[in-house]
Amino acid sequence: MKKVYDNADAALEGVLFDGMTIAAGGFGLCGIPENCIAAIHRAGVKGLTIASNNCGVDGFGLGILLDAKQIRKMISSYVGENAEFMRQYLSGELELEFNPQGTLAERLRAGGAGVPGFYTKTGVGTVIAEGKEHKEFDGQTYILERGIRTDLAIVKAWKGDTEGNLVYRKTARNFNPMCATAGKVTVAEVEELVRPGALDPDMIHTPGIFVQRIFKGSHEKRIEQRTVRAA
């Protein structure tokens, strides 16, 4: 089966459709699959439900899909860096499912592991728990959270081989490994694409069995909040 593609547009060809669900790796602007996001924007698909920690910033990352009104619903933990996100949510144009950050990570991991749901104490007694099943274990109350399984996962790695094995670099790992397992189809973009055997097996974070398509991308690596010290 062919895994290596020339670019994001080729890797996503035949995969995208209106109304689909997508798991997108990254945290802020760190480790985001920006080439895949740009290709989704160019494809013009709409009505998307995206599970991602946040939604980029105004005009970059997932923010470009927001600007184009391609996203119907976000499943996120943090949305504070995007004014357009706030505007669309408050105006009722965008549906939002808030998740505690650890819960979102575990929902993605569970979905990728074939676990349909799990119980957690996080959110008990808050609006997060409304409408969810409650269960008591050892005298403590827990709520049921569902695993997340998506039509597509898009992730960004530092290095990958032509078999789809991925290595993430430092904090750019963030949500990428969980998203990579949660997609029915996973497309990975990498900074460096190497031959099989070139990666240390002990350093591989995502095994190639989870990755269906891979390509080498060009990455801008913007800084989300640039802070400088006065001279």
Foldseek 3Di string as FASTA:
>chain_A
DAAEDAFLLRQCPPQDAAQFEEEFADDALFFTLQRNLVNCVVVPHANYEYEYQEQHECPGRNNSCLVVRRYAEYEHADYPRYPSVVVCVVVVRHHYHHDHPVLSLVLLQCLLVVNFKDWDLPPPPHPNQPPFDWDDDPRGITTIDGRAATQEYEGEAAEAESLQFGAHDDCSCPSRQSSLSRHPAYEYEYQYYHHPPPDDPVRTSHDSVSHRYYYYDDDDPDDSDDDDDDD
